[in-house]
Every structure is written in structure tokens, then in C-alpha cells.
Amino acid sequence: MPSRTRAARYAARRKRRMAAVDHDLTDHQWAGLVAAWAGCAYCGAAGGALQKDCMLPISRGGRYTLANVVPACGSCNASKCNTELTTWMRRKRLDEAAFLVRQLEVRRSVEAALTG
């Protein structure tokens, strides 16, 4: 029974954090991100359901914005949890420089497609 109480406290805390900030990621932006990445932004896995992952976690001040969200497979999203992005990528031995360059290119292409 204590795990339910802990889960309820966590859910209430997350709800308060989510309500405290403005999230401006639109459905069109999300669809553009999913199409541009064509799979998990971290491991490249394609074909499965993708989740919105905040590079700067909400628990650390992040928001659902075009600049902060990438599509992630359930495995990468759960593994990253609320860890800082570069720390997690180094621990997983992923190429963070290539990821950050690609993330910027994708964000710019989605912005351009939606504005022009």
C-alpha cells in the first residue's frame, strides 16, 4: 500500500509542476518532430510508439516546447528519466555532439515548414 501513496504524491507533484509552466508545443509541431526524426531521437529505433521527451526535464524547469521536446522510444525515455541530457548521453555512450546538431537542424526545419 505505501507504493500507492508514494505514487499519488508523485502524481500530485507532477500535476503541480505541469500546471505551473506554459507548454506551447502544438500538435502540428509534434507531428513535424516525429516525421523529421523518423524514429527515436536518441537510439534511432523506428516502428514503435514514440513519447514526448523533454531534453531539460520538467522536474528541472523544462517545458513542452519545440526547442525542448524530442520523440523518444519508451526504453530511452524511461532510461533517461529526469537526468540531465548530456549526463545521460555520456553514460549511454551516445554521440551528444551529433545529437545536438541534429536536434537543431530538425527544430529549424519544423519551424520553417510551419511558418512558410
PDB file of N, CA and C in Angstrom:
ATOM      1  N   MET A   1       0.804  -1.207   0.000  1.00  0.00           N
ATOM      2  CA  MET A   1       0.000   0.000   0.000  1.00  0.00           C
ATOM      3  C   MET A   1       0.850   1.277   0.000  1.00  0.00           C
ATOM      4  N   PRO A   2       2.036   1.316   0.631  1.00  0.00           N
ATOM      5  CA  PRO A   2       2.831   2.544   0.608  1.00  0.00           C
ATOM      6  C   PRO A   2       3.198   3.006  -0.792  1.00  0.00           C
ATOM      7  N   SER A   3       3.364   2.067  -1.731  1.00  0.00           N
ATOM      8  CA  SER A   3       3.735   2.477  -3.082  1.00  0.00           C
ATOM      9  C   SER A   3       2.628   3.300  -3.732  1.00  0.00           C
ATOM     10  N   ARG A   4       1.370   2.995  -3.412  1.00  0.00           N
ATOM     11  CA  ARG A   4       0.276   3.814  -3.953  1.00  0.00           C
ATOM     12  C   ARG A   4       0.340   5.227  -3.389  1.00  0.00           C
ATOM     13  N   THR A   5       0.628   5.329  -2.132  1.00  0.00           N
ATOM     14  CA  THR A   5       0.740   6.643  -1.510  1.00  0.00           C
ATOM     15  C   THR A   5       1.890   7.421  -2.141  1.00  0.00           C
ATOM     16  N   ARG A   6       3.016   6.764  -2.326  1.00  0.00           N
ATOM     17  CA  ARG A   6       4.163   7.401  -2.958  1.00  0.00           C
ATOM     18  C   ARG A   6       3.821   7.797  -4.385  1.00  0.00           C
ATOM     19  N   ALA A   7       3.138   6.912  -5.095  1.00  0.00           N
ATOM     20  CA  ALA A   7       2.735   7.204  -6.475  1.00  0.00           C
ATOM     21  C   ALA A   7       1.759   8.376  -6.518  1.00  0.00           C
ATOM     22  N   ALA A   8       0.857   8.422  -5.563  1.00  0.00           N
ATOM     23  CA  ALA A   8      -0.112   9.522  -5.512  1.00  0.00           C
ATOM     24  C   ALA A   8       0.592  10.842  -5.225  1.00  0.00           C
ATOM     25  N   ARG A   9       1.578  10.818  -4.336  1.00  0.00           N
ATOM     26  CA  ARG A   9       2.334  12.050  -4.041  1.00  0.00           C
ATOM     27  C   ARG A   9       3.109  12.504  -5.274  1.00  0.00           C
ATOM     28  N   TYR A  10       3.740  11.562  -5.964  1.00  0.00           N
ATOM     29  CA  TYR A  10       4.482  11.897  -7.172  1.00  0.00           C
ATOM     30  C   TYR A  10       3.551  12.473  -8.233  1.00  0.00           C
ATOM     31  N   ALA A  11       2.392  11.859  -8.416  1.00  0.00           N
ATOM     32  CA  ALA A  11       1.429  12.338  -9.422  1.00  0.00           C
ATOM     33  C   ALA A  11       0.947  13.747  -9.093  1.00  0.00           C
ATOM     34  N   ALA A  12       0.697  14.010  -7.826  1.00  0.00           N
ATOM     35  CA  ALA A  12       0.255  15.351  -7.423  1.00  0.00           C
ATOM     36  C   ALA A  12       1.359  16.377  -7.648  1.00  0.00           C
ATOM     37  N   ARG A  13       2.603  16.004  -7.322  1.00  0.00           N
ATOM     38  CA  ARG A  13       3.736  16.913  -7.541  1.00  0.00           C
ATOM     39  C   ARG A  13       3.920  17.201  -9.025  1.00  0.00           C
ATOM     40  N   ARG A  14       3.823  16.179  -9.864  1.00  0.00           N
ATOM     41  CA  ARG A  14       3.967  16.361 -11.317  1.00  0.00           C
ATOM     42  C   ARG A  14       2.848  17.244 -11.856  1.00  0.00           C
ATOM     43  N   LYS A  15       1.636  17.037 -11.381  1.00  0.00           N
ATOM     44  CA  LYS A  15       0.497  17.838 -11.828  1.00  0.00           C
ATOM     45  C   LYS A  15       0.722  19.316 -11.489  1.00  0.00           C
ATOM     46  N   ARG A  16       1.230  19.592 -10.294  1.00  0.00           N
ATOM     47  CA  ARG A  16       1.518  20.982  -9.907  1.00  0.00           C
ATOM     48  C   ARG A  16       2.613  21.583 -10.781  1.00  0.00           C
ATOM     49  N   ARG A  17       3.683  20.814 -11.044  1.00  0.00           N
ATOM     50  CA  ARG A  17       4.767  21.314 -11.903  1.00  0.00           C
ATOM     51  C   ARG A  17       4.262  21.592 -13.312  1.00  0.00           C
ATOM     52  N   MET A  18       3.430  20.703 -13.840  1.00  0.00           N
ATOM     53  CA  MET A  18       2.903  20.864 -15.195  1.00  0.00           C
ATOM     54  C   MET A  18       2.009  22.097 -15.288  1.00  0.00           C
ATOM     55  N   ALA A  19       1.231  22.344 -14.250  1.00  0.00           N
ATOM     56  CA  ALA A  19       0.313  23.487 -14.262  1.00  0.00           C
ATOM     57  C   ALA A  19       1.046  24.808 -14.055  1.00  0.00           C
ATOM     58  N   ALA A  20       2.241  24.754 -13.492  1.00  0.00           N
ATOM     59  CA  ALA A  20       2.965  25.975 -13.151  1.00  0.00           C
ATOM     60  C   ALA A  20       3.676  26.618 -14.338  1.00  0.00           C
ATOM     61  N   VAL A  21       3.796  25.912 -15.464  1.00  0.00           N
ATOM     62  CA  VAL A  21       4.516  26.462 -16.607  1.00  0.00           C
ATOM     63  C   VAL A  21       3.647  26.415 -17.857  1.00  0.00           C
ATOM     64  N   ASP A  22       3.999  27.270 -18.827  1.00  0.00           N
ATOM     65  CA  ASP A  22       3.318  27.288 -20.114  1.00  0.00           C
ATOM     66  C   ASP A  22       3.941  26.268 -21.047  1.00  0.00           C
ATOM     67  N   HIS A  23       3.141  25.389 -21.582  1.00  0.00           N
ATOM     68  CA  HIS A  23       3.596  24.423 -22.573  1.00  0.00           C
ATOM     69  C   HIS A  23       3.032  24.873 -23.911  1.00  0.00           C
ATOM     70  N   ASP A  24       3.906  25.165 -24.880  1.00  0.00           N
ATOM     71  CA  ASP A  24       3.411  25.700 -26.143  1.00  0.00           C
ATOM     72  C   ASP A  24       3.703  24.805 -27.345  1.00  0.00           C
ATOM     73  N   LEU A  25       3.960  23.519 -27.123  1.00  0.00           N
ATOM     74  CA  LEU A  25       4.162  22.592 -28.228  1.00  0.00           C
ATOM     75  C   LEU A  25       2.804  22.235 -28.818  1.00  0.00           C
ATOM     76  N   THR A  26       2.629  22.537 -30.100  1.00  0.00           N
ATOM     77  CA  THR A  26       1.348  22.243 -30.750  1.00  0.00           C
ATOM     78  C   THR A  26       1.364  20.828 -31.335  1.00  0.00           C
ATOM     79  N   ASP A  27       0.184  20.335 -31.675  1.00  0.00           N
ATOM     80  CA  ASP A  27       0.083  19.023 -32.303  1.00  0.00           C
ATOM     81  C   ASP A  27       0.804  18.999 -33.648  1.00  0.00           C
ATOM     82  N   HIS A  28       0.743  20.107 -34.394  1.00  0.00           N
ATOM     83  CA  HIS A  28       1.430  20.189 -35.686  1.00  0.00           C
ATOM     84  C   HIS A  28       2.945  20.143 -35.505  1.00  0.00           C
ATOM     85  N   GLN A  29       3.458  20.833 -34.480  1.00  0.00           N
ATOM     86  CA  GLN A  29       4.889  20.796 -34.204  1.00  0.00           C
ATOM     87  C   GLN A  29       5.328  19.384 -33.818  1.00  0.00           C
ATOM     88  N   TRP A  30       4.530  18.724 -32.969  1.00  0.00           N
ATOM     89  CA  TRP A  30       4.860  17.364 -32.562  1.00  0.00           C
ATOM     90  C   TRP A  30       4.884  16.429 -33.772  1.00  0.00           C
ATOM     91  N   ALA A  31       3.888  16.546 -34.631  1.00  0.00           N
ATOM     92  CA  ALA A  31       3.847  15.709 -35.837  1.00  0.00           C
ATOM     93  C   ALA A  31       5.072  15.980 -36.715  1.00  0.00           C
ATOM     94  N   GLY A  32       5.467  17.233 -36.813  1.00  0.00           N
ATOM     95  CA  GLY A  32       6.661  17.589 -37.582  1.00  0.00           C
ATOM     96  C   GLY A  32       7.927  16.995 -36.988  1.00  0.00           C
ATOM     97  N   LEU A  33       8.028  17.013 -35.667  1.00  0.00           N
ATOM     98  CA  LEU A  33       9.187  16.420 -34.995  1.00  0.00           C
ATOM     99  C   LEU A  33       9.258  14.914 -35.233  1.00  0.00           C
ATOM    100  N   VAL A  34       8.128  14.258 -35.095  1.00  0.00           N
ATOM    101  CA  VAL A  34       8.077  12.803 -35.296  1.00  0.00           C
ATOM    102  C   VAL A  34       8.474  12.464 -36.733  1.00  0.00           C
ATOM    103  N   ALA A  35       7.949  13.218 -37.693  1.00  0.00           N
ATOM    104  CA  ALA A  35       8.277  12.960 -39.106  1.00  0.00           C
ATOM    105  C   ALA A  35       9.747  13.239 -39.397  1.00  0.00           C
ATOM    106  N   ALA A  36      10.266  14.324 -38.862  1.00  0.00           N
ATOM    107  CA  ALA A  36      11.652  14.696 -39.148  1.00  0.00           C
ATOM    108  C   ALA A  36      12.658  13.729 -38.515  1.00  0.00           C
ATOM    109  N   TRP A  37      12.390  13.276 -37.314  1.00  0.00           N
ATOM    110  CA  TRP A  37      13.305  12.339 -36.663  1.00  0.00           C
ATOM    111  C   TRP A  37      13.152  10.930 -37.229  1.00  0.00           C
ATOM    112  N   ALA A  38      11.962  10.570 -37.661  1.00  0.00           N
ATOM    113  CA  ALA A  38      11.682   9.240 -38.235  1.00  0.00           C
ATOM    114  C   ALA A  38      12.075   8.104 -37.291  1.00  0.00           C
ATOM    115  N   GLY A  39      11.878   8.311 -36.020  1.00  0.00           N
ATOM    116  CA  GLY A  39      12.191   7.301 -35.006  1.00  0.00           C
ATOM    117  C   GLY A  39      12.643   7.987 -33.733  1.00  0.00           C
ATOM    118  N   CYS A  40      13.182   7.203 -32.827  1.00  0.00           N
ATOM    119  CA  CYS A  40      13.667   7.733 -31.557  1.00  0.00           C
ATOM    120  C   CYS A  40      14.843   8.667 -31.810  1.00  0.00           C
ATOM    121  N   ALA A  41      14.801   9.844 -31.228  1.00  0.00           N
ATOM    122  CA  ALA A  41      15.867  10.824 -31.416  1.00  0.00           C
ATOM    123  C   ALA A  41      17.183  10.357 -30.802  1.00  0.00           C
ATOM    124  N   TYR A  42      17.116   9.469 -29.844  1.00  0.00           N
ATOM    125  CA  TYR A  42      18.319   9.028 -29.148  1.00  0.00           C
ATOM    126  C   TYR A  42      18.937   7.779 -29.759  1.00  0.00           C
ATOM    127  N   CYS A  43      18.156   6.720 -29.927  1.00  0.00           N
ATOM    128  CA  CYS A  43      18.712   5.447 -30.406  1.00  0.00           C
ATOM    129  C   CYS A  43      18.353   5.144 -31.857  1.00  0.00           C
ATOM    130  N   GLY A  44      17.411   5.894 -32.431  1.00  0.00           N
ATOM    131  CA  GLY A  44      17.029   5.696 -33.823  1.00  0.00           C
ATOM    132  C   GLY A  44      15.992   4.616 -34.057  1.00  0.00           C
ATOM    133  N   ALA A  45      15.517   3.970 -32.998  1.00  0.00           N
ATOM    134  CA  ALA A  45      14.521   2.905 -33.149  1.00  0.00           C
ATOM    135  C   ALA A  45      13.280   3.451 -33.837  1.00  0.00           C
ATOM    136  N   ALA A  46      12.804   2.741 -34.851  1.00  0.00           N
ATOM    137  CA  ALA A  46      11.624   3.162 -35.601  1.00  0.00           C
ATOM    138  C   ALA A  46      10.560   2.080 -35.504  1.00  0.00           C
ATOM    139  N   GLY A  47       9.347   2.463 -35.751  1.00  0.00           N
ATOM    140  CA  GLY A  47       8.266   1.485 -35.807  1.00  0.00           C
ATOM    141  C   GLY A  47       7.422   1.408 -34.547  1.00  0.00           C
ATOM    142  N   GLY A  48       7.970   1.767 -33.423  1.00  0.00           N
ATOM    143  CA  GLY A  48       7.210   1.705 -32.182  1.00  0.00           C
ATOM    144  C   GLY A  48       6.574   3.044 -31.850  1.00  0.00           C
ATOM    145  N   ALA A  49       5.785   3.039 -30.797  1.00  0.00           N
ATOM    146  CA  ALA A  49       5.172   4.279 -30.328  1.00  0.00           C
ATOM    147  C   ALA A  49       6.252   5.190 -29.759  1.00  0.00           C
ATOM    148  N   LEU A  50       6.177   6.461 -30.086  1.00  0.00           N
ATOM    149  CA  LEU A  50       7.142   7.436 -29.586  1.00  0.00           C
ATOM    150  C   LEU A  50       6.494   8.328 -28.536  1.00  0.00           C
ATOM    151  N   GLN A  51       7.282   8.702 -27.556  1.00  0.00           N
ATOM    152  CA  GLN A  51       6.810   9.544 -26.466  1.00  0.00           C
ATOM    153  C   GLN A  51       7.498  10.896 -26.534  1.00  0.00           C
ATOM    154  N   LYS A  52       6.844  11.905 -25.995  1.00  0.00           N
ATOM    155  CA  LYS A  52       7.450  13.230 -25.908  1.00  0.00           C
ATOM    156  C   LYS A  52       8.437  13.215 -24.750  1.00  0.00           C
ATOM    157  N   ASP A  53       9.697  13.476 -25.059  1.00  0.00           N
ATOM    158  CA  ASP A  53      10.711  13.551 -24.020  1.00  0.00           C
ATOM    159  C   ASP A  53      11.271  14.953 -23.967  1.00  0.00           C
ATOM    160  N   CYS A  54      11.274  15.536 -22.786  1.00  0.00           N
ATOM    161  CA  CYS A  54      11.858  16.854 -22.585  1.00  0.00           C
ATOM    162  C   CYS A  54      13.349  16.701 -22.351  1.00  0.00           C
ATOM    163  N   MET A  55      14.148  17.347 -23.181  1.00  0.00           N
ATOM    164  CA  MET A  55      15.598  17.274 -23.008  1.00  0.00           C
ATOM    165  C   MET A  55      15.980  17.853 -21.646  1.00  0.00           C
ATOM    166  N   LEU A  56      15.395  18.985 -21.280  1.00  0.00           N
ATOM    167  CA  LEU A  56      15.508  19.502 -19.920  1.00  0.00           C
ATOM    168  C   LEU A  56      14.220  19.076 -19.221  1.00  0.00           C
ATOM    169  N   PRO A  57      14.309  18.110 -18.309  1.00  0.00           N
ATOM    170  CA  PRO A  57      13.094  17.559 -17.694  1.00  0.00           C
ATOM    171  C   PRO A  57      12.238  18.611 -17.004  1.00  0.00           C
ATOM    172  N   ILE A  58      10.956  18.364 -16.971  1.00  0.00           N
ATOM    173  CA  ILE A  58      10.014  19.265 -16.316  1.00  0.00           C
ATOM    174  C   ILE A  58      10.380  19.443 -14.849  1.00  0.00           C
ATOM    175  N   SER A  59      10.872  18.378 -14.223  1.00  0.00           N
ATOM    176  CA  SER A  59      11.260  18.458 -12.814  1.00  0.00           C
ATOM    177  C   SER A  59      12.465  19.370 -12.598  1.00  0.00           C
ATOM    178  N   ARG A  60      13.159  19.718 -13.670  1.00  0.00           N
ATOM    179  CA  ARG A  60      14.315  20.610 -13.590  1.00  0.00           C
ATOM    180  C   ARG A  60      14.052  21.946 -14.275  1.00  0.00           C
ATOM    181  N   GLY A  61      12.772  22.242 -14.530  1.00  0.00           N
ATOM    182  CA  GLY A  61      12.407  23.533 -15.103  1.00  0.00           C
ATOM    183  C   GLY A  61      12.092  23.522 -16.585  1.00  0.00           C
ATOM    184  N   GLY A  62      12.082  22.365 -17.210  1.00  0.00           N
ATOM    185  CA  GLY A  62      11.788  22.272 -18.641  1.00  0.00           C
ATOM    186  C   GLY A  62      10.303  22.418 -18.930  1.00  0.00           C
ATOM    187  N   ARG A  63       9.989  22.567 -20.209  1.00  0.00           N
ATOM    188  CA  ARG A  63       8.600  22.696 -20.645  1.00  0.00           C
ATOM    189  C   ARG A  63       8.440  21.936 -21.950  1.00  0.00           C
ATOM    190  N   TYR A  64       7.179  21.683 -22.320  1.00  0.00           N
ATOM    191  CA  TYR A  64       6.890  21.091 -23.623  1.00  0.00           C
ATOM    192  C   TYR A  64       6.913  22.213 -24.647  1.00  0.00           C
ATOM    193  N   THR A  65       8.074  22.402 -25.282  1.00  0.00           N
ATOM    194  CA  THR A  65       8.251  23.398 -26.331  1.00  0.00           C
ATOM    195  C   THR A  65       8.982  22.738 -27.495  1.00  0.00           C
ATOM    196  N   LEU A  66       8.917  23.360 -28.644  1.00  0.00           N
ATOM    197  CA  LEU A  66       9.595  22.830 -29.826  1.00  0.00           C
ATOM    198  C   LEU A  66      11.093  22.683 -29.581  1.00  0.00           C
ATOM    199  N   ALA A  67      11.681  23.604 -28.852  1.00  0.00           N
ATOM    200  CA  ALA A  67      13.124  23.570 -28.608  1.00  0.00           C
ATOM    201  C   ALA A  67      13.530  22.541 -27.556  1.00  0.00           C
ATOM    202  N   ASN A  68      12.590  22.042 -26.766  1.00  0.00           N
ATOM    203  CA  ASN A  68      12.935  21.172 -25.649  1.00  0.00           C
ATOM    204  C   ASN A  68      12.439  19.733 -25.798  1.00  0.00           C
ATOM    205  N   VAL A  69      11.586  19.455 -26.772  1.00  0.00           N
ATOM    206  CA  VAL A  69      10.989  18.126 -26.880  1.00  0.00           C
ATOM    207  C   VAL A  69      11.537  17.380 -28.088  1.00  0.00           C
ATOM    208  N   VAL A  70      11.813  16.101 -27.885  1.00  0.00           N
ATOM    209  CA  VAL A  70      12.189  15.207 -28.975  1.00  0.00           C
ATOM    210  C   VAL A  70      11.389  13.916 -28.825  1.00  0.00           C
ATOM    211  N   PRO A  71      11.153  13.206 -29.930  1.00  0.00           N
ATOM    212  CA  PRO A  71      10.479  11.913 -29.824  1.00  0.00           C
ATOM    213  C   PRO A  71      11.458  10.863 -29.309  1.00  0.00           C
ATOM    214  N   ALA A  72      10.994  10.065 -28.355  1.00  0.00           N
ATOM    215  CA  ALA A  72      11.848   9.025 -27.782  1.00  0.00           C
ATOM    216  C   ALA A  72      11.064   7.730 -27.645  1.00  0.00           C
ATOM    217  N   CYS A  73      11.752   6.614 -27.829  1.00  0.00           N
ATOM    218  CA  CYS A  73      11.112   5.325 -27.586  1.00  0.00           C
ATOM    219  C   CYS A  73      10.914   5.180 -26.073  1.00  0.00           C
ATOM    220  N   GLY A  74      10.052   4.292 -25.689  1.00  0.00           N
ATOM    221  CA  GLY A  74       9.767   4.097 -24.273  1.00  0.00           C
ATOM    222  C   GLY A  74      11.001   3.720 -23.470  1.00  0.00           C
ATOM    223  N   SER A  75      11.873   2.922 -24.065  1.00  0.00           N
ATOM    224  CA  SER A  75      13.084   2.481 -23.380  1.00  0.00           C
ATOM    225  C   SER A  75      14.027   3.654 -23.081  1.00  0.00           C
ATOM    226  N   CYS A  76      14.287   4.485 -24.082  1.00  0.00           N
ATOM    227  CA  CYS A  76      15.166   5.649 -23.872  1.00  0.00           C
ATOM    228  C   CYS A  76      14.538   6.644 -22.906  1.00  0.00           C
ATOM    229  N   ASN A  77      13.240   6.890 -23.054  1.00  0.00           N
ATOM    230  CA  ASN A  77      12.569   7.847 -22.187  1.00  0.00           C
ATOM    231  C   ASN A  77      12.613   7.381 -20.731  1.00  0.00           C
ATOM    232  N   ALA A  78      12.359   6.110 -20.499  1.00  0.00           N
ATOM    233  CA  ALA A  78      12.385   5.583 -19.133  1.00  0.00           C
ATOM    234  C   ALA A  78      13.813   5.581 -18.589  1.00  0.00           C
ATOM    235  N   SER A  79      14.781   5.261 -19.427  1.00  0.00           N
ATOM    236  CA  SER A  79      16.175   5.234 -19.000  1.00  0.00           C
ATOM    237  C   SER A  79      16.666   6.626 -18.625  1.00  0.00           C
ATOM    238  N   LYS A  80      16.298   7.623 -19.429  1.00  0.00           N
ATOM    239  CA  LYS A  80      16.736   8.998 -19.170  1.00  0.00           C
ATOM    240  C   LYS A  80      16.065   9.557 -17.933  1.00  0.00           C
ATOM    241  N   CYS A  81      14.798   9.233 -17.752  1.00  0.00           N
ATOM    242  CA  CYS A  81      14.023   9.701 -16.591  1.00  0.00           C
ATOM    243  C   CYS A  81      14.163  11.217 -16.469  1.00  0.00           C
ATOM    244  N   ASN A  82      14.644  11.727 -15.347  1.00  0.00           N
ATOM    245  CA  ASN A  82      14.796  13.182 -15.214  1.00  0.00           C
ATOM    246  C   ASN A  82      16.269  13.575 -15.134  1.00  0.00           C
ATOM    247  N   THR A  83      17.114  12.737 -15.729  1.00  0.00           N
ATOM    248  CA  THR A  83      18.548  13.017 -15.772  1.00  0.00           C
ATOM    249  C   THR A  83      18.823  14.118 -16.787  1.00  0.00           C
ATOM    250  N   GLU A  84      19.842  14.910 -16.531  1.00  0.00           N
ATOM    251  CA  GLU A  84      20.263  15.935 -17.478  1.00  0.00           C
ATOM    252  C   GLU A  84      20.729  15.242 -18.758  1.00  0.00           C
ATOM    253  N   LEU A  85      20.376  15.793 -19.893  1.00  0.00           N
ATOM    254  CA  LEU A  85      20.584  15.149 -21.195  1.00  0.00           C
ATOM    255  C   LEU A  85      22.030  14.731 -21.443  1.00  0.00           C
ATOM    256  N   THR A  86      22.977  15.637 -21.310  1.00  0.00           N
ATOM    257  CA  THR A  86      24.353  15.293 -21.648  1.00  0.00           C
ATOM    258  C   THR A  86      24.921  14.253 -20.685  1.00  0.00           C
ATOM    259  N   THR A  87      24.551  14.309 -19.427  1.00  0.00           N
ATOM    260  CA  THR A  87      24.991  13.290 -18.464  1.00  0.00           C
ATOM    261  C   THR A  87      24.490  11.924 -18.880  1.00  0.00           C
ATOM    262  N   TRP A  88      23.223  11.838 -19.244  1.00  0.00           N
ATOM    263  CA  TRP A  88      22.630  10.570 -19.669  1.00  0.00           C
ATOM    264  C   TRP A  88      23.277  10.057 -20.950  1.00  0.00           C
ATOM    265  N   MET A  89      23.486  10.962 -21.915  1.00  0.00           N
ATOM    266  CA  MET A  89      24.082  10.544 -23.187  1.00  0.00           C
ATOM    267  C   MET A  89      25.512  10.040 -22.988  1.00  0.00           C
ATOM    268  N   ARG A  90      26.264  10.674 -22.112  1.00  0.00           N
ATOM    269  CA  ARG A  90      27.630  10.213 -21.837  1.00  0.00           C
ATOM    270  C   ARG A  90      27.607   8.849 -21.161  1.00  0.00           C
ATOM    271  N   ARG A  91      26.688   8.661 -20.229  1.00  0.00           N
ATOM    272  CA  ARG A  91      26.577   7.376 -19.542  1.00  0.00           C
ATOM    273  C   ARG A  91      26.220   6.260 -20.524  1.00  0.00           C
ATOM    274  N   LYS A  92      25.369   6.578 -21.502  1.00  0.00           N
ATOM    275  CA  LYS A  92      24.946   5.597 -22.507  1.00  0.00           C
ATOM    276  C   LYS A  92      25.934   5.492 -23.676  1.00  0.00           C
ATOM    277  N   ARG A  93      26.958   6.323 -23.659  1.00  0.00           N
ATOM    278  CA  ARG A  93      27.965   6.374 -24.720  1.00  0.00           C
ATOM    279  C   ARG A  93      27.345   6.716 -26.081  1.00  0.00           C
ATOM    280  N   LEU A  94      26.451   7.694 -26.059  1.00  0.00           N
ATOM    281  CA  LEU A  94      25.840   8.191 -27.288  1.00  0.00           C
ATOM    282  C   LEU A  94      26.589   9.440 -27.726  1.00  0.00           C
ATOM    283  N   ASP A  95      26.573   9.742 -28.995  1.00  0.00           N
ATOM    284  CA  ASP A  95      27.285  10.904 -29.545  1.00  0.00           C
ATOM    285  C   ASP A  95      26.449  12.162 -29.306  1.00  0.00           C
ATOM    286  N   GLU A  96      26.759  12.858 -28.214  1.00  0.00           N
ATOM    287  CA  GLU A  96      25.945  14.018 -27.857  1.00  0.00           C
ATOM    288  C   GLU A  96      26.109  15.183 -28.829  1.00  0.00           C
ATOM    289  N   ALA A  97      27.294  15.379 -29.362  1.00  0.00           N
ATOM    290  CA  ALA A  97      27.514  16.475 -30.311  1.00  0.00           C
ATOM    291  C   ALA A  97      26.675  16.266 -31.567  1.00  0.00           C
ATOM    292  N   ALA A  98      26.688  15.067 -32.106  1.00  0.00           N
ATOM    293  CA  ALA A  98      25.891  14.764 -33.297  1.00  0.00           C
ATOM    294  C   ALA A  98      24.402  14.917 -32.996  1.00  0.00           C
ATOM    295  N   PHE A  99      23.982  14.473 -31.820  1.00  0.00           N
ATOM    296  CA  PHE A  99      22.571  14.620 -31.443  1.00  0.00           C
ATOM    297  C   PHE A  99      22.176  16.091 -31.381  1.00  0.00           C
ATOM    298  N   LEU A 100      22.985  16.914 -30.725  1.00  0.00           N
ATOM    299  CA  LEU A 100      22.639  18.330 -30.556  1.00  0.00           C
ATOM    300  C   LEU A 100      22.596  19.066 -31.897  1.00  0.00           C
ATOM    301  N   VAL A 101      23.510  18.733 -32.804  1.00  0.00           N
ATOM    302  CA  VAL A 101      23.488  19.334 -34.148  1.00  0.00           C
ATOM    303  C   VAL A 101      22.222  18.902 -34.880  1.00  0.00           C
ATOM    304  N   ARG A 102      21.921  17.619 -34.824  1.00  0.00           N
ATOM    305  CA  ARG A 102      20.715  17.088 -35.499  1.00  0.00           C
ATOM    306  C   ARG A 102      19.458  17.697 -34.896  1.00  0.00           C
ATOM    307  N   GLN A 103      19.419  17.853 -33.584  1.00  0.00           N
ATOM    308  CA  GLN A 103      18.242  18.426 -32.916  1.00  0.00           C
ATOM    309  C   GLN A 103      18.009  19.855 -33.395  1.00  0.00           C
ATOM    310  N   LEU A 104      19.066  20.616 -33.524  1.00  0.00           N
ATOM    311  CA  LEU A 104      18.944  21.991 -34.007  1.00  0.00           C
ATOM    312  C   LEU A 104      18.465  22.017 -35.457  1.00  0.00           C
ATOM    313  N   GLU A 105      19.002  21.138 -36.298  1.00  0.00           N
ATOM    314  CA  GLU A 105      18.568  21.067 -37.700  1.00  0.00           C
ATOM    315  C   GLU A 105      17.094  20.693 -37.800  1.00  0.00           C
ATOM    316  N   VAL A 106      16.676  19.715 -37.022  1.00  0.00           N
ATOM    317  CA  VAL A 106      15.270  19.284 -37.042  1.00  0.00           C
ATOM    318  C   VAL A 106      14.367  20.409 -36.575  1.00  0.00           C
ATOM    319  N   ARG A 107      14.734  21.056 -35.479  1.00  0.00           N
ATOM    320  CA  ARG A 107      13.914  22.155 -34.952  1.00  0.00           C
ATOM    321  C   ARG A 107      13.757  23.268 -35.995  1.00  0.00           C
ATOM    322  N   ARG A 108      14.844  23.633 -36.644  1.00  0.00           N
ATOM    323  CA  ARG A 108      14.776  24.686 -37.671  1.00  0.00           C
ATOM    324  C   ARG A 108      13.924  24.257 -38.853  1.00  0.00           C
ATOM    325  N   SER A 109      14.027  22.989 -39.261  1.00  0.00           N
ATOM    326  CA  SER A 109      13.228  22.533 -40.402  1.00  0.00           C
ATOM    327  C   SER A 109      11.741  22.492 -40.049  1.00  0.00           C
ATOM    328  N   VAL A 110      11.416  22.103 -38.834  1.00  0.00           N
ATOM    329  CA  VAL A 110       9.999  22.084 -38.412  1.00  0.00           C
ATOM    330  C   VAL A 110       9.473  23.510 -38.326  1.00  0.00           C
ATOM    331  N   GLU A 111      10.269  24.423 -37.767  1.00  0.00           N
ATOM    332  CA  GLU A 111       9.842  25.829 -37.708  1.00  0.00           C
ATOM    333  C   GLU A 111       9.604  26.387 -39.098  1.00  0.00           C
ATOM    334  N   ALA A 112      10.513  26.100 -40.027  1.00  0.00           N
ATOM    335  CA  ALA A 112      10.399  26.609 -41.391  1.00  0.00           C
ATOM    336  C   ALA A 112       9.178  26.026 -42.093  1.00  0.00           C
ATOM    337  N   ALA A 113       8.933  24.739 -41.888  1.00  0.00           N
ATOM    338  CA  ALA A 113       7.779  24.087 -42.535  1.00  0.00           C
ATOM    339  C   ALA A 113       6.459  24.637 -42.012  1.00  0.00           C
ATOM    340  N   LEU A 114       6.419  25.017 -40.762  1.00  0.00           N
ATOM    341  CA  LEU A 114       5.173  25.509 -40.179  1.00  0.00           C
ATOM    342  C   LEU A 114       4.930  26.991 -40.436  1.00  0.00           C
ATOM    343  N   THR A 115       6.007  27.743 -40.702  1.00  0.00           N
ATOM    344  CA  THR A 115       5.832  29.181 -40.934  1.00  0.00           C
ATOM    345  C   THR A 115       5.794  29.525 -42.418  1.00  0.00           C
ATOM    346  N   GLY A 116       6.301  28.662 -43.242  1.00  0.00           N
ATOM    347  CA  GLY A 116       6.379  29.029 -44.656  1.00  0.00           C
ATOM    348  C   GLY A 116       5.794  28.070 -45.570  1.00  0.00           C
TER     349      GLY A 116
END
